[in-house]
Amino acid sequence: MQLKINKGINRPLEFKGLKAQYIGYLCIGLLIMLFLFVVMYLMGLPILLVLIIISTTGGLLFSFIFKYSSKYGTYGLMKKAAYGRLPKSIKGCGLQKLFQKARISKKH
């Protein structure tokens, strides 16, 4: 079985519709689900309950990752997070005094 990974020159990695960093997000999510499966199994939960929980979270993981990949594209999710961290306004009250001190110290 061969899987095709498309990557042109100066183009981000794409695999089965997932773009760039979303492939990594999916891998991390699958590793976390594997860890949760092992923990729940070792806790002694019934295997049917464990399988239902893991398959439900796996389906949600795949649906969210593919939705974000198609909605935001390659770097859109990172840009959205960056825009959320921008300050609403910048106050410059103390800058005038700072520049006046710098100008006075240059004259001497």
PDB file of N, CA and C in Angstrom:
ATOM      1  N   MET A   1       0.841  -1.182   0.000  1.00  0.00           N
ATOM      2  CA  MET A   1       0.000   0.000   0.000  1.00  0.00           C
ATOM      3  C   MET A   1       0.881   1.237   0.000  1.00  0.00           C
ATOM      4  N   GLN A   2       0.685   2.099  -0.973  1.00  0.00           N
ATOM      5  CA  GLN A   2       1.462   3.318  -1.065  1.00  0.00           C
ATOM      6  C   GLN A   2       0.533   4.509  -0.902  1.00  0.00           C
ATOM      7  N   LEU A   3       0.969   5.459  -0.077  1.00  0.00           N
ATOM      8  CA  LEU A   3       0.211   6.690   0.119  1.00  0.00           C
ATOM      9  C   LEU A   3       0.951   7.818  -0.567  1.00  0.00           C
ATOM     10  N   LYS A   4       0.227   8.651  -1.274  1.00  0.00           N
ATOM     11  CA  LYS A   4       0.837   9.733  -2.019  1.00  0.00           C
ATOM     12  C   LYS A   4       0.853  11.003  -1.174  1.00  0.00           C
ATOM     13  N   ILE A   5       2.036  11.580  -1.042  1.00  0.00           N
ATOM     14  CA  ILE A   5       2.197  12.844  -0.342  1.00  0.00           C
ATOM     15  C   ILE A   5       2.592  13.881  -1.380  1.00  0.00           C
ATOM     16  N   ASN A   6       1.767  14.910  -1.524  1.00  0.00           N
ATOM     17  CA  ASN A   6       2.024  15.951  -2.519  1.00  0.00           C
ATOM     18  C   ASN A   6       2.799  17.092  -1.895  1.00  0.00           C
ATOM     19  N   LYS A   7       3.925  17.424  -2.516  1.00  0.00           N
ATOM     20  CA  LYS A   7       4.677  18.593  -2.092  1.00  0.00           C
ATOM     21  C   LYS A   7       5.435  19.111  -3.304  1.00  0.00           C
ATOM     22  N   GLY A   8       5.049  20.286  -3.745  1.00  0.00           N
ATOM     23  CA  GLY A   8       5.751  20.923  -4.846  1.00  0.00           C
ATOM     24  C   GLY A   8       6.834  21.828  -4.303  1.00  0.00           C
ATOM     25  N   ILE A   9       7.495  22.508  -5.199  1.00  0.00           N
ATOM     26  CA  ILE A   9       8.537  23.438  -4.779  1.00  0.00           C
ATOM     27  C   ILE A   9       7.874  24.634  -4.105  1.00  0.00           C
ATOM     28  N   ASN A  10       8.369  24.983  -2.938  1.00  0.00           N
ATOM     29  CA  ASN A  10       7.856  26.101  -2.135  1.00  0.00           C
ATOM     30  C   ASN A  10       6.377  25.960  -1.788  1.00  0.00           C
ATOM     31  N   ARG A  11       5.888  24.766  -1.663  1.00  0.00           N
ATOM     32  CA  ARG A  11       4.506  24.538  -1.264  1.00  0.00           C
ATOM     33  C   ARG A  11       4.504  23.729   0.021  1.00  0.00           C
ATOM     34  N   PRO A  12       3.532  23.971   0.904  1.00  0.00           N
ATOM     35  CA  PRO A  12       3.490  23.219   2.159  1.00  0.00           C
ATOM     36  C   PRO A  12       3.066  21.773   1.923  1.00  0.00           C
ATOM     37  N   LEU A  13       3.412  20.942   2.866  1.00  0.00           N
ATOM     38  CA  LEU A  13       3.077  19.529   2.819  1.00  0.00           C
ATOM     39  C   LEU A  13       1.563  19.348   2.880  1.00  0.00           C
ATOM     40  N   GLU A  14       1.036  18.426   2.077  1.00  0.00           N
ATOM     41  CA  GLU A  14      -0.395  18.138   2.090  1.00  0.00           C
ATOM     42  C   GLU A  14      -0.579  16.630   1.997  1.00  0.00           C
ATOM     43  N   PHE A  15      -1.446  16.095   2.864  1.00  0.00           N
ATOM     44  CA  PHE A  15      -1.697  14.657   2.895  1.00  0.00           C
ATOM     45  C   PHE A  15      -3.182  14.422   3.114  1.00  0.00           C
ATOM     46  N   LYS A  16      -3.847  13.842   2.136  1.00  0.00           N
ATOM     47  CA  LYS A  16      -5.272  13.507   2.209  1.00  0.00           C
ATOM     48  C   LYS A  16      -6.131  14.703   2.612  1.00  0.00           C
ATOM     49  N   GLY A  17      -5.788  15.895   2.157  1.00  0.00           N
ATOM     50  CA  GLY A  17      -6.560  17.086   2.460  1.00  0.00           C
ATOM     51  C   GLY A  17      -6.063  17.860   3.665  1.00  0.00           C
ATOM     52  N   LEU A  18      -5.207  17.268   4.470  1.00  0.00           N
ATOM     53  CA  LEU A  18      -4.633  17.982   5.612  1.00  0.00           C
ATOM     54  C   LEU A  18      -3.453  18.803   5.137  1.00  0.00           C
ATOM     55  N   LYS A  19      -3.351  20.018   5.632  1.00  0.00           N
ATOM     56  CA  LYS A  19      -2.295  20.914   5.200  1.00  0.00           C
ATOM     57  C   LYS A  19      -1.349  21.211   6.348  1.00  0.00           C
ATOM     58  N   ALA A  20      -0.077  21.198   6.054  1.00  0.00           N
ATOM     59  CA  ALA A  20       1.012  21.682   6.905  1.00  0.00           C
ATOM     60  C   ALA A  20       0.948  21.184   8.351  1.00  0.00           C
ATOM     61  N   GLN A  21       0.749  22.090   9.304  1.00  0.00           N
ATOM     62  CA  GLN A  21       0.853  21.745  10.721  1.00  0.00           C
ATOM     63  C   GLN A  21      -0.296  20.881  11.213  1.00  0.00           C
ATOM     64  N   TYR A  22      -1.388  20.790  10.471  1.00  0.00           N
ATOM     65  CA  TYR A  22      -2.527  19.980  10.910  1.00  0.00           C
ATOM     66  C   TYR A  22      -2.177  18.491  10.915  1.00  0.00           C
ATOM     67  N   ILE A  23      -1.226  18.091  10.095  1.00  0.00           N
ATOM     68  CA  ILE A  23      -0.757  16.704  10.121  1.00  0.00           C
ATOM     69  C   ILE A  23      -0.113  16.421  11.471  1.00  0.00           C
ATOM     70  N   GLY A  24       0.673  17.352  11.952  1.00  0.00           N
ATOM     71  CA  GLY A  24       1.294  17.204  13.269  1.00  0.00           C
ATOM     72  C   GLY A  24       0.273  17.196  14.392  1.00  0.00           C
ATOM     73  N   TYR A  25      -0.730  18.074  14.282  1.00  0.00           N
ATOM     74  CA  TYR A  25      -1.786  18.104  15.297  1.00  0.00           C
ATOM     75  C   TYR A  25      -2.518  16.767  15.359  1.00  0.00           C
ATOM     76  N   LEU A  26      -2.783  16.187  14.199  1.00  0.00           N
ATOM     77  CA  LEU A  26      -3.474  14.901  14.159  1.00  0.00           C
ATOM     78  C   LEU A  26      -2.610  13.805  14.772  1.00  0.00           C
ATOM     79  N   CYS A  27      -1.320  13.810  14.485  1.00  0.00           N
ATOM     80  CA  CYS A  27      -0.419  12.804  15.074  1.00  0.00           C
ATOM     81  C   CYS A  27      -0.355  12.930  16.590  1.00  0.00           C
ATOM     82  N   ILE A  28      -0.258  14.151  17.071  1.00  0.00           N
ATOM     83  CA  ILE A  28      -0.217  14.361  18.530  1.00  0.00           C
ATOM     84  C   ILE A  28      -1.518  13.906  19.170  1.00  0.00           C
ATOM     85  N   GLY A  29      -2.652  14.232  18.537  1.00  0.00           N
ATOM     86  CA  GLY A  29      -3.946  13.797  19.065  1.00  0.00           C
ATOM     87  C   GLY A  29      -4.076  12.285  19.100  1.00  0.00           C
ATOM     88  N   LEU A  30      -3.590  11.611  18.064  1.00  0.00           N
ATOM     89  CA  LEU A  30      -3.650  10.147  18.039  1.00  0.00           C
ATOM     90  C   LEU A  30      -2.761   9.526  19.114  1.00  0.00           C
ATOM     91  N   LEU A  31      -1.595  10.126  19.353  1.00  0.00           N
ATOM     92  CA  LEU A  31      -0.721   9.621  20.427  1.00  0.00           C
ATOM     93  C   LEU A  31      -1.363   9.809  21.805  1.00  0.00           C
ATOM     94  N   ILE A  32      -2.035  10.927  21.997  1.00  0.00           N
ATOM     95  CA  ILE A  32      -2.728  11.160  23.270  1.00  0.00           C
ATOM     96  C   ILE A  32      -3.857  10.148  23.448  1.00  0.00           C
ATOM     97  N   MET A  33      -4.582   9.861  22.357  1.00  0.00           N
ATOM     98  CA  MET A  33      -5.659   8.874  22.443  1.00  0.00           C
ATOM     99  C   MET A  33      -5.118   7.476  22.738  1.00  0.00           C
ATOM    100  N   LEU A  34      -3.972   7.140  22.161  1.00  0.00           N
ATOM    101  CA  LEU A  34      -3.349   5.845  22.456  1.00  0.00           C
ATOM    102  C   LEU A  34      -2.980   5.754  23.933  1.00  0.00           C
ATOM    103  N   PHE A  35      -2.411   6.836  24.465  1.00  0.00           N
ATOM    104  CA  PHE A  35      -2.062   6.871  25.879  1.00  0.00           C
ATOM    105  C   PHE A  35      -3.309   6.733  26.759  1.00  0.00           C
ATOM    106  N   LEU A  36      -4.388   7.423  26.405  1.00  0.00           N
ATOM    107  CA  LEU A  36      -5.634   7.320  27.169  1.00  0.00           C
ATOM    108  C   LEU A  36      -6.216   5.909  27.109  1.00  0.00           C
ATOM    109  N   PHE A  37      -6.106   5.279  25.949  1.00  0.00           N
ATOM    110  CA  PHE A  37      -6.579   3.905  25.812  1.00  0.00           C
ATOM    111  C   PHE A  37      -5.836   2.983  26.777  1.00  0.00           C
ATOM    112  N   VAL A  38      -4.521   3.110  26.812  1.00  0.00           N
ATOM    113  CA  VAL A  38      -3.717   2.262  27.700  1.00  0.00           C
ATOM    114  C   VAL A  38      -4.061   2.531  29.159  1.00  0.00           C
ATOM    115  N   VAL A  39      -4.202   3.789  29.528  1.00  0.00           N
ATOM    116  CA  VAL A  39      -4.509   4.134  30.920  1.00  0.00           C
ATOM    117  C   VAL A  39      -5.877   3.591  31.325  1.00  0.00           C
ATOM    118  N   MET A  40      -6.879   3.781  30.464  1.00  0.00           N
ATOM    119  CA  MET A  40      -8.226   3.291  30.803  1.00  0.00           C
ATOM    120  C   MET A  40      -8.260   1.767  30.855  1.00  0.00           C
ATOM    121  N   TYR A  41      -7.519   1.116  29.975  1.00  0.00           N
ATOM    122  CA  TYR A  41      -7.482  -0.346  29.974  1.00  0.00           C
ATOM    123  C   TYR A  41      -6.807  -0.879  31.239  1.00  0.00           C
ATOM    124  N   LEU A  42      -5.722  -0.225  31.645  1.00  0.00           N
ATOM    125  CA  LEU A  42      -5.015  -0.658  32.852  1.00  0.00           C
ATOM    126  C   LEU A  42      -5.788  -0.332  34.127  1.00  0.00           C
ATOM    127  N   MET A  43      -6.692   0.654  34.057  1.00  0.00           N
ATOM    128  CA  MET A  43      -7.523   0.960  35.215  1.00  0.00           C
ATOM    129  C   MET A  43      -8.595  -0.100  35.423  1.00  0.00           C
ATOM    130  N   GLY A  44      -8.809  -0.933  34.427  1.00  0.00           N
ATOM    131  CA  GLY A  44      -9.773  -2.011  34.572  1.00  0.00           C
ATOM    132  C   GLY A  44     -11.164  -1.685  34.049  1.00  0.00           C
ATOM    133  N   LEU A  45     -11.290  -0.627  33.264  1.00  0.00           N
ATOM    134  CA  LEU A  45     -12.593  -0.313  32.675  1.00  0.00           C
ATOM    135  C   LEU A  45     -12.958  -1.386  31.649  1.00  0.00           C
ATOM    136  N   PRO A  46     -14.240  -1.640  31.475  1.00  0.00           N
ATOM    137  CA  PRO A  46     -14.651  -2.630  30.465  1.00  0.00           C
ATOM    138  C   PRO A  46     -14.175  -2.207  29.066  1.00  0.00           C
ATOM    139  N   ILE A  47     -13.692  -3.186  28.307  1.00  0.00           N
ATOM    140  CA  ILE A  47     -13.091  -2.881  27.015  1.00  0.00           C
ATOM    141  C   ILE A  47     -14.097  -2.251  26.055  1.00  0.00           C
ATOM    142  N   LEU A  48     -15.360  -2.622  26.154  1.00  0.00           N
ATOM    143  CA  LEU A  48     -16.379  -2.034  25.284  1.00  0.00           C
ATOM    144  C   LEU A  48     -16.532  -0.537  25.572  1.00  0.00           C
ATOM    145  N   LEU A  49     -16.530  -0.170  26.852  1.00  0.00           N
ATOM    146  CA  LEU A  49     -16.618   1.239  27.230  1.00  0.00           C
ATOM    147  C   LEU A  49     -15.384   2.001  26.747  1.00  0.00           C
ATOM    148  N   VAL A  50     -14.216   1.401  26.889  1.00  0.00           N
ATOM    149  CA  VAL A  50     -12.977   2.037  26.445  1.00  0.00           C
ATOM    150  C   VAL A  50     -13.008   2.267  24.935  1.00  0.00           C
ATOM    151  N   LEU A  51     -13.453   1.265  24.189  1.00  0.00           N
ATOM    152  CA  LEU A  51     -13.520   1.397  22.735  1.00  0.00           C
ATOM    153  C   LEU A  51     -14.523   2.458  22.303  1.00  0.00           C
ATOM    154  N   ILE A  52     -15.641   2.544  22.998  1.00  0.00           N
ATOM    155  CA  ILE A  52     -16.635   3.570  22.667  1.00  0.00           C
ATOM    156  C   ILE A  52     -16.073   4.968  22.923  1.00  0.00           C
ATOM    157  N   ILE A  53     -15.416   5.149  24.049  1.00  0.00           N
ATOM    158  CA  ILE A  53     -14.831   6.456  24.380  1.00  0.00           C
ATOM    159  C   ILE A  53     -13.747   6.839  23.384  1.00  0.00           C
ATOM    160  N   ILE A  54     -12.852   5.903  23.074  1.00  0.00           N
ATOM    161  CA  ILE A  54     -11.742   6.190  22.160  1.00  0.00           C
ATOM    162  C   ILE A  54     -12.248   6.442  20.745  1.00  0.00           C
ATOM    163  N   SER A  55     -13.215   5.662  20.291  1.00  0.00           N
ATOM    164  CA  SER A  55     -13.715   5.876  18.927  1.00  0.00           C
ATOM    165  C   SER A  55     -14.484   7.197  18.820  1.00  0.00           C
ATOM    166  N   THR A  56     -15.202   7.578  19.859  1.00  0.00           N
ATOM    167  CA  THR A  56     -15.907   8.861  19.850  1.00  0.00           C
ATOM    168  C   THR A  56     -14.922  10.023  19.830  1.00  0.00           C
ATOM    169  N   THR A  57     -13.925   9.984  20.697  1.00  0.00           N
ATOM    170  CA  THR A  57     -12.938  11.071  20.714  1.00  0.00           C
ATOM    171  C   THR A  57     -12.109  11.081  19.433  1.00  0.00           C
ATOM    172  N   GLY A  58     -11.848   9.909  18.868  1.00  0.00           N
ATOM    173  CA  GLY A  58     -11.119   9.852  17.603  1.00  0.00           C
ATOM    174  C   GLY A  58     -11.916  10.470  16.474  1.00  0.00           C
ATOM    175  N   GLY A  59     -13.204  10.193  16.427  1.00  0.00           N
ATOM    176  CA  GLY A  59     -14.050  10.803  15.402  1.00  0.00           C
ATOM    177  C   GLY A  59     -14.122  12.306  15.550  1.00  0.00           C
ATOM    178  N   LEU A  60     -14.238  12.780  16.789  1.00  0.00           N
ATOM    179  CA  LEU A  60     -14.251  14.229  17.030  1.00  0.00           C
ATOM    180  C   LEU A  60     -12.917  14.868  16.648  1.00  0.00           C
ATOM    181  N   LEU A  61     -11.824  14.182  16.982  1.00  0.00           N
ATOM    182  CA  LEU A  61     -10.498  14.687  16.642  1.00  0.00           C
ATOM    183  C   LEU A  61     -10.352  14.843  15.130  1.00  0.00           C
ATOM    184  N   PHE A  62     -10.709  13.795  14.386  1.00  0.00           N
ATOM    185  CA  PHE A  62     -10.593  13.856  12.931  1.00  0.00           C
ATOM    186  C   PHE A  62     -11.494  14.942  12.349  1.00  0.00           C
ATOM    187  N   SER A  63     -12.722  15.046  12.838  1.00  0.00           N
ATOM    188  CA  SER A  63     -13.630  16.045  12.270  1.00  0.00           C
ATOM    189  C   SER A  63     -13.147  17.466  12.548  1.00  0.00           C
ATOM    190  N   PHE A  64     -12.664  17.739  13.768  1.00  0.00           N
ATOM    191  CA  PHE A  64     -12.182  19.078  14.086  1.00  0.00           C
ATOM    192  C   PHE A  64     -10.920  19.424  13.302  1.00  0.00           C
ATOM    193  N   ILE A  65      -9.993  18.477  13.199  1.00  0.00           N
ATOM    194  CA  ILE A  65      -8.745  18.754  12.494  1.00  0.00           C
ATOM    195  C   ILE A  65      -9.009  19.015  11.009  1.00  0.00           C
ATOM    196  N   PHE A  66      -9.853  18.196  10.384  1.00  0.00           N
ATOM    197  CA  PHE A  66     -10.154  18.409   8.975  1.00  0.00           C
ATOM    198  C   PHE A  66     -10.952  19.692   8.762  1.00  0.00           C
ATOM    199  N   LYS A  67     -11.825  20.033   9.712  1.00  0.00           N
ATOM    200  CA  LYS A  67     -12.599  21.274   9.597  1.00  0.00           C
ATOM    201  C   LYS A  67     -11.681  22.486   9.676  1.00  0.00           C
ATOM    202  N   TYR A  68     -10.770  22.490  10.653  1.00  0.00           N
ATOM    203  CA  TYR A  68      -9.841  23.609  10.784  1.00  0.00           C
ATOM    204  C   TYR A  68      -8.891  23.684   9.603  1.00  0.00           C
ATOM    205  N   SER A  69      -8.475  22.551   9.074  1.00  0.00           N
ATOM    206  CA  SER A  69      -7.572  22.540   7.923  1.00  0.00           C
ATOM    207  C   SER A  69      -8.239  23.160   6.698  1.00  0.00           C
ATOM    208  N   SER A  70      -9.497  22.842   6.484  1.00  0.00           N
ATOM    209  CA  SER A  70     -10.172  23.413   5.318  1.00  0.00           C
ATOM    210  C   SER A  70     -10.609  24.859   5.563  1.00  0.00           C
ATOM    211  N   LYS A  71     -10.931  25.213   6.800  1.00  0.00           N
ATOM    212  CA  LYS A  71     -11.418  26.566   7.089  1.00  0.00           C
ATOM    213  C   LYS A  71     -10.286  27.590   7.101  1.00  0.00           C
ATOM    214  N   TYR A  72      -9.196  27.271   7.789  1.00  0.00           N
ATOM    215  CA  TYR A  72      -8.123  28.242   7.980  1.00  0.00           C
ATOM    216  C   TYR A  72      -6.954  28.060   7.020  1.00  0.00           C
ATOM    217  N   GLY A  73      -6.820  26.932   6.385  1.00  0.00           N
ATOM    218  CA  GLY A  73      -5.718  26.734   5.455  1.00  0.00           C
ATOM    219  C   GLY A  73      -4.405  26.487   6.172  1.00  0.00           C
ATOM    220  N   THR A  74      -3.336  26.739   5.454  1.00  0.00           N
ATOM    221  CA  THR A  74      -2.010  26.369   5.950  1.00  0.00           C
ATOM    222  C   THR A  74      -1.615  27.128   7.212  1.00  0.00           C
ATOM    223  N   TYR A  75      -1.677  28.438   7.189  1.00  0.00           N
ATOM    224  CA  TYR A  75      -1.202  29.224   8.324  1.00  0.00           C
ATOM    225  C   TYR A  75      -2.287  30.067   8.970  1.00  0.00           C
ATOM    226  N   GLY A  76      -3.531  29.879   8.588  1.00  0.00           N
ATOM    227  CA  GLY A  76      -4.612  30.720   9.079  1.00  0.00           C
ATOM    228  C   GLY A  76      -4.888  30.586  10.555  1.00  0.00           C
ATOM    229  N   LEU A  77      -4.755  29.381  11.101  1.00  0.00           N
ATOM    230  CA  LEU A  77      -5.021  29.180  12.523  1.00  0.00           C
ATOM    231  C   LEU A  77      -3.966  29.883  13.371  1.00  0.00           C
ATOM    232  N   MET A  78      -2.718  29.862  12.932  1.00  0.00           N
ATOM    233  CA  MET A  78      -1.663  30.571  13.659  1.00  0.00           C
ATOM    234  C   MET A  78      -1.877  32.081  13.575  1.00  0.00           C
ATOM    235  N   LYS A  79      -2.339  32.565  12.413  1.00  0.00           N
ATOM    236  CA  LYS A  79      -2.616  33.994  12.270  1.00  0.00           C
ATOM    237  C   LYS A  79      -3.770  34.417  13.161  1.00  0.00           C
ATOM    238  N   LYS A  80      -4.795  33.573  13.253  1.00  0.00           N
ATOM    239  CA  LYS A  80      -5.932  33.888  14.115  1.00  0.00           C
ATOM    240  C   LYS A  80      -5.493  33.980  15.573  1.00  0.00           C
ATOM    241  N   ALA A  81      -4.643  33.055  16.010  1.00  0.00           N
ATOM    242  CA  ALA A  81      -4.137  33.099  17.383  1.00  0.00           C
ATOM    243  C   ALA A  81      -3.274  34.336  17.602  1.00  0.00           C
ATOM    244  N   ALA A  82      -2.489  34.733  16.601  1.00  0.00           N
ATOM    245  CA  ALA A  82      -1.641  35.917  16.728  1.00  0.00           C
ATOM    246  C   ALA A  82      -2.485  37.185  16.802  1.00  0.00           C
ATOM    247  N   TYR A  83      -3.555  37.274  16.003  1.00  0.00           N
ATOM    248  CA  TYR A  83      -4.428  38.445  16.061  1.00  0.00           C
ATOM    249  C   TYR A  83      -5.103  38.564  17.412  1.00  0.00           C
ATOM    250  N   GLY A  84      -5.384  37.458  18.055  1.00  0.00           N
ATOM    251  CA  GLY A  84      -6.005  37.492  19.371  1.00  0.00           C
ATOM    252  C   GLY A  84      -5.081  38.022  20.448  1.00  0.00           C
ATOM    253  N   ARG A  85      -3.775  37.973  20.202  1.00  0.00           N
ATOM    254  CA  ARG A  85      -2.806  38.446  21.193  1.00  0.00           C
ATOM    255  C   ARG A  85      -2.384  39.897  20.986  1.00  0.00           C
ATOM    256  N   LEU A  86      -2.880  40.547  19.939  1.00  0.00           N
ATOM    257  CA  LEU A  86      -2.536  41.942  19.704  1.00  0.00           C
ATOM    258  C   LEU A  86      -3.202  42.826  20.754  1.00  0.00           C
ATOM    259  N   PRO A  87      -2.511  43.854  21.215  1.00  0.00           N
ATOM    260  CA  PRO A  87      -3.144  44.769  22.174  1.00  0.00           C
ATOM    261  C   PRO A  87      -4.205  45.613  21.492  1.00  0.00           C
ATOM    262  N   LYS A  88      -5.215  45.995  22.242  1.00  0.00           N
ATOM    263  CA  LYS A  88      -6.293  46.807  21.685  1.00  0.00           C
ATOM    264  C   LYS A  88      -5.826  48.237  21.422  1.00  0.00           C
ATOM    265  N   SER A  89      -4.930  48.747  22.262  1.00  0.00           N
ATOM    266  CA  SER A  89      -4.394  50.088  22.059  1.00  0.00           C
ATOM    267  C   SER A  89      -3.002  50.154  22.672  1.00  0.00           C
ATOM    268  N   ILE A  90      -2.255  51.175  22.250  1.00  0.00           N
ATOM    269  CA  ILE A  90      -0.906  51.393  22.767  1.00  0.00           C
ATOM    270  C   ILE A  90      -0.872  52.778  23.389  1.00  0.00           C
ATOM    271  N   LYS A  91      -0.466  52.850  24.635  1.00  0.00           N
ATOM    272  CA  LYS A  91      -0.360  54.132  25.323  1.00  0.00           C
ATOM    273  C   LYS A  91       1.094  54.591  25.269  1.00  0.00           C
ATOM    274  N   GLY A  92       1.285  55.850  25.004  1.00  0.00           N
ATOM    275  CA  GLY A  92       2.633  56.393  24.914  1.00  0.00           C
ATOM    276  C   GLY A  92       2.856  57.547  25.854  1.00  0.00           C
ATOM    277  N   CYS A  93       2.341  57.494  27.061  1.00  0.00           N
ATOM    278  CA  CYS A  93       2.441  58.617  28.000  1.00  0.00           C
ATOM    279  C   CYS A  93       3.880  58.895  28.399  1.00  0.00           C
ATOM    280  N   GLY A  94       4.653  57.881  28.683  1.00  0.00           N
ATOM    281  CA  GLY A  94       6.003  58.085  29.182  1.00  0.00           C
ATOM    282  C   GLY A  94       7.034  58.231  28.084  1.00  0.00           C
ATOM    283  N   LEU A  95       6.671  58.045  26.835  1.00  0.00           N
ATOM    284  CA  LEU A  95       7.645  58.102  25.758  1.00  0.00           C
ATOM    285  C   LEU A  95       8.146  59.518  25.498  1.00  0.00           C
ATOM    286  N   GLN A  96       7.295  60.512  25.706  1.00  0.00           N
ATOM    287  CA  GLN A  96       7.707  61.895  25.450  1.00  0.00           C
ATOM    288  C   GLN A  96       8.846  62.278  26.392  1.00  0.00           C
ATOM    289  N   LYS A  97       8.733  61.941  27.658  1.00  0.00           N
ATOM    290  CA  LYS A  97       9.795  62.257  28.618  1.00  0.00           C
ATOM    291  C   LYS A  97      11.069  61.505  28.291  1.00  0.00           C
ATOM    292  N   LEU A  98      10.939  60.278  27.832  1.00  0.00           N
ATOM    293  CA  LEU A  98      12.104  59.467  27.481  1.00  0.00           C
ATOM    294  C   LEU A  98      12.858  60.091  26.316  1.00  0.00           C
ATOM    295  N   PHE A  99      12.128  60.546  25.300  1.00  0.00           N
ATOM    296  CA  PHE A  99      12.786  61.165  24.150  1.00  0.00           C
ATOM    297  C   PHE A  99      13.396  62.518  24.512  1.00  0.00           C
ATOM    298  N   GLN A 100      12.764  63.274  25.412  1.00  0.00           N
ATOM    299  CA  GLN A 100      13.328  64.551  25.833  1.00  0.00           C
ATOM    300  C   GLN A 100      14.630  64.332  26.577  1.00  0.00           C
ATOM    301  N   LYS A 101      14.683  63.299  27.433  1.00  0.00           N
ATOM    302  CA  LYS A 101      15.918  63.001  28.163  1.00  0.00           C
ATOM    303  C   LYS A 101      17.015  62.578  27.197  1.00  0.00           C
ATOM    304  N   ALA A 102      16.663  61.819  26.184  1.00  0.00           N
ATOM    305  CA  ALA A 102      17.653  61.374  25.208  1.00  0.00           C
ATOM    306  C   ALA A 102      18.189  62.558  24.405  1.00  0.00           C
ATOM    307  N   ARG A 103      17.312  63.519  24.071  1.00  0.00           N
ATOM    308  CA  ARG A 103      17.736  64.678  23.290  1.00  0.00           C
ATOM    309  C   ARG A 103      18.634  65.596  24.132  1.00  0.00           C
ATOM    310  N   ILE A 104      18.305  65.750  25.422  1.00  0.00           N
ATOM    311  CA  ILE A 104      19.119  66.594  26.294  1.00  0.00           C
ATOM    312  C   ILE A 104      20.484  65.966  26.518  1.00  0.00           C
ATOM    313  N   SER A 105      20.527  64.654  26.699  1.00  0.00           N
ATOM    314  CA  SER A 105      21.831  64.007  26.940  1.00  0.00           C
ATOM    315  C   SER A 105      22.726  64.033  25.696  1.00  0.00           C
ATOM    316  N   LYS A 106      22.145  64.128  24.499  1.00  0.00           N
ATOM    317  CA  LYS A 106      22.953  64.199  23.274  1.00  0.00           C
ATOM    318  C   LYS A 106      23.602  65.590  23.132  1.00  0.00           C
ATOM    319  N   LYS A 107      22.936  66.635  23.633  1.00  0.00           N
ATOM    320  CA  LYS A 107      23.459  67.992  23.514  1.00  0.00           C
ATOM    321  C   LYS A 107      24.702  68.196  24.362  1.00  0.00           C
ATOM    322  N   HIS A 108      24.768  67.511  25.489  1.00  0.00           N
ATOM    323  CA  HIS A 108      25.911  67.709  26.403  1.00  0.00           C
ATOM    324  C   HIS A 108      27.044  66.880  26.030  1.00  0.00           C
TER     325      HIS A 108
END
